[in-house]
Amino acid sequence: MMIGCIAITRDGLGDLWAFKDVREAGLDPVYQLGDPLIVGHEKITEQIPLNRIPSLMSRLGADHLAQETARSLEETAGMTHQMRIASMQRFSKQMWAVMCEKARETPKESTEVVNLIRLDRKLAIEESRQMTTATPTTKPDGKAPVEKTPRKLSVHNPKSTIHFGADKEGQKYGASNNPKRDGSASADRFNMYKEGMTIEQALTAGVKTTDISWDLKKGFITVKAVA
């Protein structure tokens, strides 16, 4: 099979599935909205958060690439997102070769497809709970601990558009004015936003629903509903 694109389930944490092209992936029930869909080696650093690449390579058994990409992230810490991407692009062809080797064709038997999707969603829910549940803190008055969870994303049309907010000085947020901690995974994901992109496009690029909820709450972005 000639591989034209690869989808990674569970927002990049799950299985790798090979497709001939984007159309075939879009018609396959295994591919879910929000899963990274990578069309060629040039798109790896666009679709997968940079800080997640070493663990992905390690999960695929490419320990040498895991070490090299981790070292690249350490060496470029503090640099601009574009410079970090350029540094990681040195390994893109090798990473793509590993991904093509490990990616599988999706099952065609309906029962197997349903079981696969059910398992994927179960794992995604468990991972989401682990990521969004904060460590309980004890109040000064000695009352019971309180768990803090991030605000959930309001229901928006996937076609609604995202626009940057502005800081206290009136400067628009964006790649050159990123409100997240430099070098963090959330900063990398914030750089995935493009002015006027749809929610659907943002999720496909690698932004998380929890990112959108938090960024809306903080005023880093706004969402404009479709007419």
Protein backbone atom coordinates (compact mmCIF):
# COMPACT_ATOMS: atom_id res chain seq x y z
CA MET A 1 0.00 0.00 0.00
CA MET A 2 1.26 3.45 -0.93
CA ILE A 3 0.94 5.59 2.20
CA GLY A 4 -0.21 9.16 1.53
CA CYS A 5 -1.12 10.13 5.09
CA ILE A 6 -1.10 8.76 8.63
CA ALA A 7 -3.68 9.38 11.37
CA ILE A 8 -2.82 9.03 15.05
CA THR A 9 -5.79 8.32 17.29
CA ARG A 10 -6.53 9.76 20.74
CA ASP A 11 -5.16 13.19 19.84
CA GLY A 12 -1.77 11.74 18.95
CA LEU A 13 -1.46 9.30 21.85
CA GLY A 14 -2.98 6.23 20.21
CA ASP A 15 -2.49 3.92 17.25
CA LEU A 16 -1.09 4.90 13.85
CA TRP A 17 -3.27 4.18 10.82
CA ALA A 18 -2.14 4.38 7.20
CA PHE A 19 -4.27 5.76 4.35
CA LYS A 20 -3.73 6.33 0.65
CA ASP A 21 -4.93 9.93 0.89
CA VAL A 22 -6.89 12.41 3.01
CA ARG A 23 -10.20 11.48 1.36
CA GLU A 24 -9.81 7.84 2.33
CA ALA A 25 -8.97 8.85 5.91
CA GLY A 26 -12.00 11.14 6.09
CA LEU A 27 -14.33 8.33 5.07
CA ASP A 28 -12.90 5.83 7.55
CA PRO A 29 -14.75 5.67 10.92
CA VAL A 30 -11.53 4.89 12.79
CA TYR A 31 -10.24 8.39 12.05
CA GLN A 32 -11.91 10.84 14.46
CA LEU A 33 -12.12 14.63 14.33
CA GLY A 34 -9.19 16.06 16.26
CA ASP A 35 -6.78 13.20 15.53
CA PRO A 36 -3.56 14.42 13.92
CA LEU A 37 -3.62 13.62 10.19
CA ILE A 38 -0.11 13.86 8.77
CA VAL A 39 0.38 14.18 5.02
CA GLY A 40 4.09 13.56 4.43
CA HIS A 41 7.17 14.19 6.53
CA GLU A 42 7.00 18.00 6.18
CA LYS A 43 3.77 18.07 8.21
CA ILE A 44 4.95 16.13 11.26
CA THR A 45 6.06 19.22 13.20
CA GLU A 46 2.85 21.03 12.26
CA GLN A 47 0.46 18.33 13.38
CA ILE A 48 2.22 16.96 16.47
CA PRO A 49 3.18 19.22 19.41
CA LEU A 50 6.99 19.37 19.46
CA ASN A 51 7.31 18.24 23.07
CA ARG A 52 5.32 15.11 22.26
CA ILE A 53 7.57 13.93 19.40
CA PRO A 54 10.30 12.25 21.52
CA SER A 55 7.74 10.14 23.40
CA LEU A 56 6.06 9.20 20.12
CA MET A 57 9.37 8.03 18.64
CA SER A 58 10.12 6.10 21.81
CA ARG A 59 6.67 4.47 21.68
CA LEU A 60 7.38 3.41 18.09
CA GLY A 61 10.66 1.81 19.12
CA ALA A 62 12.93 4.45 17.52
CA ASP A 63 14.97 5.19 20.64
CA HIS A 64 17.74 6.95 18.69
CA LEU A 65 15.23 9.42 17.25
CA ALA A 66 13.61 9.86 20.65
CA GLN A 67 17.00 10.84 22.08
CA GLU A 68 17.93 13.10 19.15
CA THR A 69 14.62 14.97 19.13
CA ALA A 70 14.68 15.35 22.92
CA ARG A 71 18.19 16.77 22.67
CA SER A 72 17.03 19.18 19.95
CA LEU A 73 14.25 20.44 22.22
CA GLU A 74 16.71 21.01 25.05
CA GLU A 75 19.18 22.84 22.82
CA THR A 76 16.51 25.14 21.35
CA ALA A 77 14.71 25.89 24.61
CA GLY A 78 14.04 29.63 24.72
CA MET A 79 14.21 30.05 20.96
CA THR A 80 11.22 31.03 18.82
CA HIS A 81 8.73 28.37 17.86
CA GLN A 82 9.75 28.69 14.20
CA MET A 83 13.41 28.06 15.07
CA ARG A 84 12.48 25.01 17.12
CA ILE A 85 10.42 23.64 14.24
CA ALA A 86 13.34 24.17 11.84
CA SER A 87 15.61 22.25 14.20
CA MET A 88 13.17 19.34 14.48
CA GLN A 89 12.65 19.24 10.71
CA ARG A 90 16.14 17.76 10.38
CA PHE A 91 14.66 14.47 11.58
CA SER A 92 11.38 14.62 9.67
CA LYS A 93 12.26 12.12 6.93
CA GLN A 94 13.59 9.61 9.44
CA MET A 95 10.51 10.05 11.62
CA TRP A 96 8.20 9.61 8.64
CA ALA A 97 9.98 6.40 7.66
CA VAL A 98 9.47 5.00 11.17
CA MET A 99 5.81 6.05 11.20
CA CYS A 100 5.18 4.44 7.79
CA GLU A 101 6.78 1.23 9.01
CA LYS A 102 4.62 1.09 12.14
CA ALA A 103 1.32 2.37 10.73
CA ARG A 104 -1.31 -0.26 9.92
CA GLU A 105 -4.27 -0.39 7.60
CA THR A 106 -7.57 0.01 9.42
CA PRO A 107 -9.74 -3.10 9.86
CA LYS A 108 -12.62 -3.56 7.44
CA GLU A 109 -14.79 -5.98 9.42
CA SER A 110 -17.55 -3.93 11.11
CA THR A 111 -17.40 -5.66 14.50
CA GLU A 112 -13.66 -5.14 14.74
CA VAL A 113 -14.06 -1.47 13.78
CA VAL A 114 -16.72 -0.89 16.45
CA ASN A 115 -14.64 -2.62 19.13
CA LEU A 116 -11.59 -0.60 18.14
CA ILE A 117 -13.45 2.72 18.32
CA ARG A 118 -15.05 1.76 21.65
CA LEU A 119 -11.64 0.91 23.14
CA ASP A 120 -10.11 4.12 21.77
CA ARG A 121 -12.83 6.26 23.30
CA LYS A 122 -12.57 4.46 26.64
CA LEU A 123 -8.82 5.10 26.74
CA ALA A 124 -9.33 8.73 25.66
CA ILE A 125 -11.77 9.32 28.53
CA GLU A 126 -9.38 7.77 31.04
CA GLU A 127 -6.47 9.87 29.74
CA SER A 128 -8.60 13.02 29.82
CA ARG A 129 -9.51 12.40 33.45
CA GLN A 130 -5.88 11.92 34.38
CA MET A 131 -4.87 15.13 32.60
CA THR A 132 -7.69 17.40 33.81
CA THR A 133 -8.01 16.34 37.45
CA ALA A 134 -5.75 18.49 39.57
CA THR A 135 -4.13 17.35 42.83
CA PRO A 136 -6.49 18.12 45.76
CA THR A 137 -5.41 20.98 48.02
CA THR A 138 -6.28 21.40 51.70
CA LYS A 139 -7.92 24.64 52.82
CA PRO A 140 -6.28 26.67 55.62
CA ASP A 141 -9.35 26.09 57.83
CA GLY A 142 -8.79 22.34 57.65
CA LYS A 143 -11.92 21.60 55.62
CA ALA A 144 -12.08 18.76 53.13
CA PRO A 145 -9.78 18.96 50.09
CA VAL A 146 -11.15 20.56 46.96
CA GLU A 147 -10.50 19.24 43.46
CA LYS A 148 -10.03 21.81 40.75
CA THR A 149 -10.93 21.01 37.16
CA PRO A 150 -10.61 23.26 34.14
CA ARG A 151 -13.69 24.84 32.66
CA LYS A 152 -15.17 22.63 29.97
CA LEU A 153 -15.46 23.88 26.41
CA SER A 154 -18.83 25.35 25.60
CA VAL A 155 -20.55 23.81 22.63
CA HIS A 156 -19.44 25.65 19.51
CA ASN A 157 -20.00 24.96 15.88
CA PRO A 158 -16.79 23.39 14.51
CA LYS A 159 -16.99 25.95 11.70
CA SER A 160 -16.91 28.90 14.14
CA THR A 161 -13.78 30.97 13.71
CA ILE A 162 -11.04 31.72 16.23
CA HIS A 163 -9.59 35.21 16.65
CA PHE A 164 -6.77 36.48 18.87
CA GLY A 165 -7.50 38.61 21.92
CA ALA A 166 -5.25 41.42 23.14
CA ASP A 167 -3.07 41.93 26.22
CA LYS A 168 -3.25 44.87 28.66
CA GLU A 169 -1.14 46.99 26.33
CA GLY A 170 -3.54 46.34 23.48
CA GLN A 171 -1.13 44.08 21.62
CA LYS A 172 -2.75 41.15 19.83
CA TYR A 173 -1.75 37.70 20.98
CA GLY A 174 -0.19 35.31 18.49
CA ALA A 175 3.11 33.62 17.66
CA SER A 176 5.05 36.83 18.41
CA ASN A 177 3.06 37.53 21.59
CA ASN A 178 2.46 34.13 23.13
CA PRO A 179 0.92 34.32 26.65
CA LYS A 180 2.01 30.79 27.58
CA ARG A 181 5.27 29.86 29.30
CA ASP A 182 8.07 29.77 26.75
CA GLY A 183 9.14 26.25 25.88
CA SER A 184 6.02 24.62 27.31
CA ALA A 185 3.74 22.25 25.41
CA SER A 186 0.84 24.67 25.85
CA ALA A 187 2.94 27.43 24.23
CA ASP A 188 3.67 25.14 21.30
CA ARG A 189 -0.03 24.43 20.91
CA PHE A 190 -0.93 28.14 21.18
CA ASN A 191 1.37 28.76 18.22
CA MET A 192 -0.83 26.41 16.21
CA TYR A 193 -3.63 28.99 16.23
CA LYS A 194 -4.04 31.06 13.08
CA GLU A 195 -6.21 34.16 12.94
CA GLY A 196 -9.59 33.23 11.46
CA MET A 197 -9.07 29.46 11.53
CA THR A 198 -12.07 27.34 12.46
CA ILE A 199 -12.37 25.32 15.66
CA GLU A 200 -12.28 22.20 13.51
CA GLN A 201 -8.99 23.31 11.91
CA ALA A 202 -7.49 24.13 15.32
CA LEU A 203 -8.34 20.68 16.70
CA THR A 204 -6.95 19.02 13.58
CA ALA A 205 -3.73 21.04 13.95
CA GLY A 206 -3.24 19.67 17.46
CA VAL A 207 -4.91 22.22 19.76
CA LYS A 208 -6.88 20.58 22.58
CA THR A 209 -10.46 21.37 23.57
CA THR A 210 -9.17 22.19 27.06
CA ASP A 211 -6.76 24.71 25.48
CA ILE A 212 -9.64 26.46 23.70
CA SER A 213 -11.70 26.55 26.93
CA TRP A 214 -8.83 28.02 28.94
CA ASP A 215 -7.79 30.51 26.26
CA LEU A 216 -11.39 31.73 25.92
CA LYS A 217 -11.67 32.14 29.68
CA LYS A 218 -8.41 34.12 29.82
CA GLY A 219 -9.27 36.28 26.81
CA PHE A 220 -6.32 34.99 24.78
CA ILE A 221 -8.76 34.17 21.97
CA THR A 222 -12.37 34.82 21.01
CA VAL A 223 -14.72 32.64 18.98
CA LYS A 224 -17.02 34.05 16.34
CA ALA A 225 -20.07 31.96 15.55
CA VAL A 226 -20.89 31.20 11.94
CA ALA A 227 -23.89 32.99 10.45
